[in-house]
């Protein structure tokens, strides 16, 4: 019997996934979580074979939880509405065994769980197509500057935190906007979030 935990913040979906998987002869949903933190606790407590995880959940995201679960012997499958290559890259680094989109046919989920249990890694084909196209073009320092901007810091505060001149911060921001082909900081933040490029 494959023991499964599901982490999903939308209650209706959580119930639906649970019911669908419990219909399978060789599967049993042994725990349900509504955020990443609960998922990590349940995995440590119940030792499931597989944890199916949404990405965007309150508190700890599915990706943060997956990173925490790495090496604990539980296979993680991400099930999300977000076909973002940035999220996908981060999920791969966390060692997830599968990454699917919620609009995939339901029967594919059970088949994929079995494949993952057999040692395979399964990823949504549309993500594989985009994977090589959407590398984050920013350098480590530019990423750092943009994250500080996203955290509400102004030019002076960023300069102080990174121990550089305010003019240098302005130059970085100008380069970031050019590389991302956006008009302003808000668009740069929005695009980076959508592509899953923030840590």
C-alpha atoms as a PDB file:
ATOM      1  CA  UNK A   1       0.000   0.000   0.000  1.00  0.00           C
ATOM      2  CA  UNK A   2       1.384   3.433  -0.986  1.00  0.00           C
ATOM      3  CA  UNK A   3       0.955   5.816   1.942  1.00  0.00           C
ATOM      4  CA  UNK A   4       0.263   9.413   0.864  1.00  0.00           C
ATOM      5  CA  UNK A   5       0.089  12.846   2.479  1.00  0.00           C
ATOM      6  CA  UNK A   6      -1.536  15.727   0.580  1.00  0.00           C
ATOM      7  CA  UNK A   7      -0.733  19.386   1.247  1.00  0.00           C
ATOM      8  CA  UNK A   8      -3.184  21.840  -0.364  1.00  0.00           C
ATOM      9  CA  UNK A   9      -4.633  25.064   1.065  1.00  0.00           C
ATOM     10  CA  UNK A  10      -7.901  24.893  -0.918  1.00  0.00           C
ATOM     11  CA  UNK A  11     -10.134  22.646   1.165  1.00  0.00           C
ATOM     12  CA  UNK A  12     -12.325  21.478  -1.713  1.00  0.00           C
ATOM     13  CA  UNK A  13      -9.320  20.396  -3.774  1.00  0.00           C
ATOM     14  CA  UNK A  14      -7.738  18.753  -0.738  1.00  0.00           C
ATOM     15  CA  UNK A  15     -10.908  16.683  -0.224  1.00  0.00           C
ATOM     16  CA  UNK A  16     -11.219  15.859  -3.934  1.00  0.00           C
ATOM     17  CA  UNK A  17      -7.589  14.674  -4.283  1.00  0.00           C
ATOM     18  CA  UNK A  18      -7.938  12.621  -1.109  1.00  0.00           C
ATOM     19  CA  UNK A  19     -11.138  10.915  -2.324  1.00  0.00           C
ATOM     20  CA  UNK A  20      -9.711  10.217  -5.790  1.00  0.00           C
ATOM     21  CA  UNK A  21      -6.542   8.610  -4.472  1.00  0.00           C
ATOM     22  CA  UNK A  22      -8.374   6.571  -1.810  1.00  0.00           C
ATOM     23  CA  UNK A  23     -10.355   4.946  -4.654  1.00  0.00           C
ATOM     24  CA  UNK A  24      -7.121   3.335  -5.875  1.00  0.00           C
ATOM     25  CA  UNK A  25      -6.621  -0.218  -4.534  1.00  0.00           C
ATOM     26  CA  UNK A  26      -2.934   0.298  -3.784  1.00  0.00           C
ATOM     27  CA  UNK A  27      -3.092   3.808  -2.246  1.00  0.00           C
ATOM     28  CA  UNK A  28      -4.118   5.302   1.064  1.00  0.00           C
ATOM     29  CA  UNK A  29      -4.172   8.982   2.051  1.00  0.00           C
ATOM     30  CA  UNK A  30      -2.895   8.944   5.644  1.00  0.00           C
ATOM     31  CA  UNK A  31      -2.731  12.688   6.249  1.00  0.00           C
ATOM     32  CA  UNK A  32      -3.860  16.063   4.905  1.00  0.00           C
ATOM     33  CA  UNK A  33      -2.167  19.428   5.449  1.00  0.00           C
ATOM     34  CA  UNK A  34      -3.258  22.953   4.541  1.00  0.00           C
ATOM     35  CA  UNK A  35       0.245  24.459   4.415  1.00  0.00           C
ATOM     36  CA  UNK A  36       3.911  23.540   4.071  1.00  0.00           C
ATOM     37  CA  UNK A  37       4.608  23.594   7.790  1.00  0.00           C
ATOM     38  CA  UNK A  38       1.845  21.065   8.552  1.00  0.00           C
ATOM     39  CA  UNK A  39       3.072  18.917   5.660  1.00  0.00           C
ATOM     40  CA  UNK A  40       6.620  18.739   7.071  1.00  0.00           C
ATOM     41  CA  UNK A  41       5.271  17.859  10.550  1.00  0.00           C
ATOM     42  CA  UNK A  42       2.988  15.128   9.141  1.00  0.00           C
ATOM     43  CA  UNK A  43       5.786  13.603   7.052  1.00  0.00           C
ATOM     44  CA  UNK A  44       8.067  13.451  10.097  1.00  0.00           C
ATOM     45  CA  UNK A  45       5.281  11.964  12.227  1.00  0.00           C
ATOM     46  CA  UNK A  46       3.646   9.514   9.791  1.00  0.00           C
ATOM     47  CA  UNK A  47       6.547   8.547   7.437  1.00  0.00           C
ATOM     48  CA  UNK A  48       4.507   8.417   4.200  1.00  0.00           C
ATOM     49  CA  UNK A  49       5.898   7.116   0.914  1.00  0.00           C
ATOM     50  CA  UNK A  50       4.768  10.188  -1.027  1.00  0.00           C
ATOM     51  CA  UNK A  51       3.838  13.782  -0.204  1.00  0.00           C
ATOM     52  CA  UNK A  52       1.787  15.620  -2.844  1.00  0.00           C
ATOM     53  CA  UNK A  53       2.311  19.335  -2.425  1.00  0.00           C
ATOM     54  CA  UNK A  54       0.833  22.543  -3.766  1.00  0.00           C
ATOM     55  CA  UNK A  55       3.316  25.440  -4.127  1.00  0.00           C
ATOM     56  CA  UNK A  56       1.544  28.595  -3.014  1.00  0.00           C
ATOM     57  CA  UNK A  57       0.242  27.981   0.493  1.00  0.00           C
ATOM     58  CA  UNK A  58       0.084  30.287   3.520  1.00  0.00           C
ATOM     59  CA  UNK A  59       3.185  30.392   5.747  1.00  0.00           C
ATOM     60  CA  UNK A  60       5.617  27.846   4.342  1.00  0.00           C
ATOM     61  CA  UNK A  61       5.293  27.264   0.588  1.00  0.00           C
ATOM     62  CA  UNK A  62       5.380  23.836  -1.010  1.00  0.00           C
ATOM     63  CA  UNK A  63       8.868  24.519  -2.378  1.00  0.00           C
ATOM     64  CA  UNK A  64      10.209  25.484   1.067  1.00  0.00           C
ATOM     65  CA  UNK A  65       8.642  22.329   2.515  1.00  0.00           C
ATOM     66  CA  UNK A  66      10.130  20.210  -0.305  1.00  0.00           C
ATOM     67  CA  UNK A  67      13.577  21.665   0.429  1.00  0.00           C
ATOM     68  CA  UNK A  68      13.135  20.770   4.099  1.00  0.00           C
ATOM     69  CA  UNK A  69      11.997  17.222   3.295  1.00  0.00           C
ATOM     70  CA  UNK A  70      14.979  16.502   1.055  1.00  0.00           C
ATOM     71  CA  UNK A  71      16.779  13.409   2.303  1.00  0.00           C
ATOM     72  CA  UNK A  72      13.962  12.260   4.615  1.00  0.00           C
ATOM     73  CA  UNK A  73      13.040   9.306   2.398  1.00  0.00           C
ATOM     74  CA  UNK A  74       9.625  10.669   1.378  1.00  0.00           C
ATOM     75  CA  UNK A  75       9.130  11.297  -2.335  1.00  0.00           C
ATOM     76  CA  UNK A  76       7.684  14.753  -3.069  1.00  0.00           C
ATOM     77  CA  UNK A  77       5.357  15.460  -5.987  1.00  0.00           C
ATOM     78  CA  UNK A  78       4.481  19.076  -6.709  1.00  0.00           C
ATOM     79  CA  UNK A  79       0.918  19.598  -7.968  1.00  0.00           C
ATOM     80  CA  UNK A  80       0.294  23.225  -8.889  1.00  0.00           C
ATOM     81  CA  UNK A  81      -1.440  25.644 -11.253  1.00  0.00           C
ATOM     82  CA  UNK A  82       1.893  27.407 -11.892  1.00  0.00           C
ATOM     83  CA  UNK A  83       3.815  26.406 -15.002  1.00  0.00           C
ATOM     84  CA  UNK A  84       6.719  28.705 -14.035  1.00  0.00           C
ATOM     85  CA  UNK A  85      10.161  27.562 -15.074  1.00  0.00           C
ATOM     86  CA  UNK A  86      11.668  29.341 -12.039  1.00  0.00           C
ATOM     87  CA  UNK A  87       9.486  27.294  -9.682  1.00  0.00           C
ATOM     88  CA  UNK A  88      10.321  24.182 -11.662  1.00  0.00           C
ATOM     89  CA  UNK A  89      14.075  24.817 -11.428  1.00  0.00           C
ATOM     90  CA  UNK A  90      13.789  25.327  -7.677  1.00  0.00           C
ATOM     91  CA  UNK A  91      11.722  22.132  -7.339  1.00  0.00           C
ATOM     92  CA  UNK A  92      14.385  20.179  -9.249  1.00  0.00           C
ATOM     93  CA  UNK A  93      17.079  21.519  -6.898  1.00  0.00           C
ATOM     94  CA  UNK A  94      14.950  20.364  -3.952  1.00  0.00           C
ATOM     95  CA  UNK A  95      14.988  16.866  -5.479  1.00  0.00           C
ATOM     96  CA  UNK A  96      11.256  16.488  -6.110  1.00  0.00           C
ATOM     97  CA  UNK A  97      10.226  13.283  -7.893  1.00  0.00           C
ATOM     98  CA  UNK A  98       7.384  14.809  -9.894  1.00  0.00           C
ATOM     99  CA  UNK A  99       5.955  18.166 -10.951  1.00  0.00           C
ATOM    100  CA  UNK A 100       2.454  18.284 -12.441  1.00  0.00           C
ATOM    101  CA  UNK A 101      -0.121  20.887 -13.291  1.00  0.00           C
ATOM    102  CA  UNK A 102      -3.576  20.741 -11.722  1.00  0.00           C
ATOM    103  CA  UNK A 103      -5.250  20.687 -15.112  1.00  0.00           C
ATOM    104  CA  UNK A 104      -3.683  17.267 -15.891  1.00  0.00           C
ATOM    105  CA  UNK A 105      -6.202  14.384 -16.150  1.00  0.00           C
ATOM    106  CA  UNK A 106      -6.889  12.843 -12.710  1.00  0.00           C
ATOM    107  CA  UNK A 107      -6.003   9.294 -13.802  1.00  0.00           C
ATOM    108  CA  UNK A 108      -2.514  10.553 -14.670  1.00  0.00           C
ATOM    109  CA  UNK A 109      -1.911  11.399 -11.011  1.00  0.00           C
ATOM    110  CA  UNK A 110      -2.327   7.817  -9.748  1.00  0.00           C
ATOM    111  CA  UNK A 111      -0.226   6.422 -12.618  1.00  0.00           C
ATOM    112  CA  UNK A 112       2.481   9.011 -11.909  1.00  0.00           C
ATOM    113  CA  UNK A 113       2.545   8.145  -8.203  1.00  0.00           C
ATOM    114  CA  UNK A 114       3.156   4.499  -9.118  1.00  0.00           C
ATOM    115  CA  UNK A 115       5.938   5.500 -11.527  1.00  0.00           C
ATOM    116  CA  UNK A 116       7.560   7.697  -8.878  1.00  0.00           C
ATOM    117  CA  UNK A 117       7.386   4.796  -6.405  1.00  0.00           C
ATOM    118  CA  UNK A 118       9.163   2.661  -9.028  1.00  0.00           C
ATOM    119  CA  UNK A 119      12.040   5.164  -8.958  1.00  0.00           C
ATOM    120  CA  UNK A 120      11.145   7.301 -11.967  1.00  0.00           C
ATOM    121  CA  UNK A 121      10.984  11.089 -12.070  1.00  0.00           C
ATOM    122  CA  UNK A 122       8.005  12.532 -13.912  1.00  0.00           C
ATOM    123  CA  UNK A 123       7.552  16.156 -14.946  1.00  0.00           C
ATOM    124  CA  UNK A 124       4.825  17.942 -16.919  1.00  0.00           C
ATOM    125  CA  UNK A 125       5.977  18.015 -20.574  1.00  0.00           C
ATOM    126  CA  UNK A 126       5.113  21.720 -21.003  1.00  0.00           C
ATOM    127  CA  UNK A 127       7.605  22.565 -18.253  1.00  0.00           C
ATOM    128  CA  UNK A 128      10.365  20.626 -19.956  1.00  0.00           C
ATOM    129  CA  UNK A 129       9.777  22.697 -23.113  1.00  0.00           C
ATOM    130  CA  UNK A 130      10.226  25.985 -21.244  1.00  0.00           C
ATOM    131  CA  UNK A 131      12.959  24.786 -18.919  1.00  0.00           C
ATOM    132  CA  UNK A 132      15.899  25.650 -21.132  1.00  0.00           C
ATOM    133  CA  UNK A 133      14.424  28.924 -22.338  1.00  0.00           C
ATOM    134  CA  UNK A 134      13.807  30.667 -19.048  1.00  0.00           C
ATOM    135  CA  UNK A 135      17.048  30.960 -17.111  1.00  0.00           C
ATOM    136  CA  UNK A 136      17.124  33.955 -14.790  1.00  0.00           C
ATOM    137  CA  UNK A 137      19.318  36.493 -16.648  1.00  0.00           C
ATOM    138  CA  UNK A 138      20.322  38.370 -13.480  1.00  0.00           C
ATOM    139  CA  UNK A 139      23.675  37.981 -11.726  1.00  0.00           C
ATOM    140  CA  UNK A 140      23.748  37.009  -8.031  1.00  0.00           C
ATOM    141  CA  UNK A 141      24.285  40.657  -7.017  1.00  0.00           C
ATOM    142  CA  UNK A 142      21.422  41.859  -9.253  1.00  0.00           C
ATOM    143  CA  UNK A 143      19.132  39.215  -7.744  1.00  0.00           C
ATOM    144  CA  UNK A 144      20.134  40.432  -4.288  1.00  0.00           C
ATOM    145  CA  UNK A 145      19.326  44.057  -5.184  1.00  0.00           C
ATOM    146  CA  UNK A 146      15.938  43.107  -6.666  1.00  0.00           C
ATOM    147  CA  UNK A 147      15.025  41.029  -3.597  1.00  0.00           C
ATOM    148  CA  UNK A 148      15.792  44.025  -1.364  1.00  0.00           C
ATOM    149  CA  UNK A 149      13.638  46.235  -3.622  1.00  0.00           C
ATOM    150  CA  UNK A 150      10.849  43.624  -3.334  1.00  0.00           C
ATOM    151  CA  UNK A 151      11.228  43.745   0.458  1.00  0.00           C
ATOM    152  CA  UNK A 152      10.400  47.468   0.356  1.00  0.00           C
ATOM    153  CA  UNK A 153      13.917  48.874   0.781  1.00  0.00           C
ATOM    154  CA  UNK A 154      14.756  52.192  -0.865  1.00  0.00           C
ATOM    155  CA  UNK A 155      17.988  52.983  -2.752  1.00  0.00           C
ATOM    156  CA  UNK A 156      19.723  54.400   0.340  1.00  0.00           C
ATOM    157  CA  UNK A 157      18.807  51.378   2.512  1.00  0.00           C
ATOM    158  CA  UNK A 158      19.968  48.947  -0.180  1.00  0.00           C
ATOM    159  CA  UNK A 159      23.274  50.847  -0.487  1.00  0.00           C
ATOM    160  CA  UNK A 160      23.786  50.637   3.291  1.00  0.00           C
ATOM    161  CA  UNK A 161      22.896  46.959   3.492  1.00  0.00           C
ATOM    162  CA  UNK A 162      25.163  45.947   0.603  1.00  0.00           C
ATOM    163  CA  UNK A 163      27.876  48.490   1.556  1.00  0.00           C
ATOM    164  CA  UNK A 164      27.896  50.109  -1.879  1.00  0.00           C
ATOM    165  CA  UNK A 165      27.173  53.634  -3.135  1.00  0.00           C
ATOM    166  CA  UNK A 166      23.625  54.776  -3.928  1.00  0.00           C
ATOM    167  CA  UNK A 167      24.737  55.487  -7.504  1.00  0.00           C
ATOM    168  CA  UNK A 168      25.849  51.866  -7.835  1.00  0.00           C
ATOM    169  CA  UNK A 169      22.430  50.684  -6.614  1.00  0.00           C
ATOM    170  CA  UNK A 170      20.762  52.893  -9.260  1.00  0.00           C
ATOM    171  CA  UNK A 171      23.046  51.378 -11.920  1.00  0.00           C
ATOM    172  CA  UNK A 172      22.113  47.860 -10.799  1.00  0.00           C
ATOM    173  CA  UNK A 173      18.398  48.701 -10.947  1.00  0.00           C
ATOM    174  CA  UNK A 174      18.787  50.196 -14.421  1.00  0.00           C
ATOM    175  CA  UNK A 175      20.589  47.026 -15.631  1.00  0.00           C
ATOM    176  CA  UNK A 176      17.917  44.822 -14.009  1.00  0.00           C
ATOM    177  CA  UNK A 177      15.117  46.692 -15.819  1.00  0.00           C
ATOM    178  CA  UNK A 178      17.010  46.397 -19.127  1.00  0.00           C
ATOM    179  CA  UNK A 179      17.694  42.682 -18.737  1.00  0.00           C
ATOM    180  CA  UNK A 180      14.110  41.882 -17.763  1.00  0.00           C
ATOM    181  CA  UNK A 181      12.787  44.259 -20.454  1.00  0.00           C
ATOM    182  CA  UNK A 182      10.428  46.021 -18.046  1.00  0.00           C
ATOM    183  CA  UNK A 183       9.670  49.709 -17.413  1.00  0.00           C
ATOM    184  CA  UNK A 184       9.889  49.911 -13.626  1.00  0.00           C
ATOM    185  CA  UNK A 185      10.698  48.160 -10.342  1.00  0.00           C
ATOM    186  CA  UNK A 186       7.111  46.965  -9.819  1.00  0.00           C
ATOM    187  CA  UNK A 187       7.092  45.156 -13.177  1.00  0.00           C
ATOM    188  CA  UNK A 188      10.528  43.665 -12.420  1.00  0.00           C
ATOM    189  CA  UNK A 189       9.271  42.297  -9.086  1.00  0.00           C
ATOM    190  CA  UNK A 190       6.046  40.980 -10.676  1.00  0.00           C
ATOM    191  CA  UNK A 191       7.914  39.197 -13.479  1.00  0.00           C
ATOM    192  CA  UNK A 192      10.439  37.634 -11.078  1.00  0.00           C
ATOM    193  CA  UNK A 193       7.635  36.391  -8.827  1.00  0.00           C
ATOM    194  CA  UNK A 194       5.694  34.908 -11.759  1.00  0.00           C
ATOM    195  CA  UNK A 195       8.770  33.079 -13.002  1.00  0.00           C
ATOM    196  CA  UNK A 196       9.524  31.830  -9.492  1.00  0.00           C
ATOM    197  CA  UNK A 197      12.954  33.477  -9.423  1.00  0.00           C
ATOM    198  CA  UNK A 198      12.769  34.765  -5.862  1.00  0.00           C
ATOM    199  CA  UNK A 199      14.230  32.527  -3.152  1.00  0.00           C
END
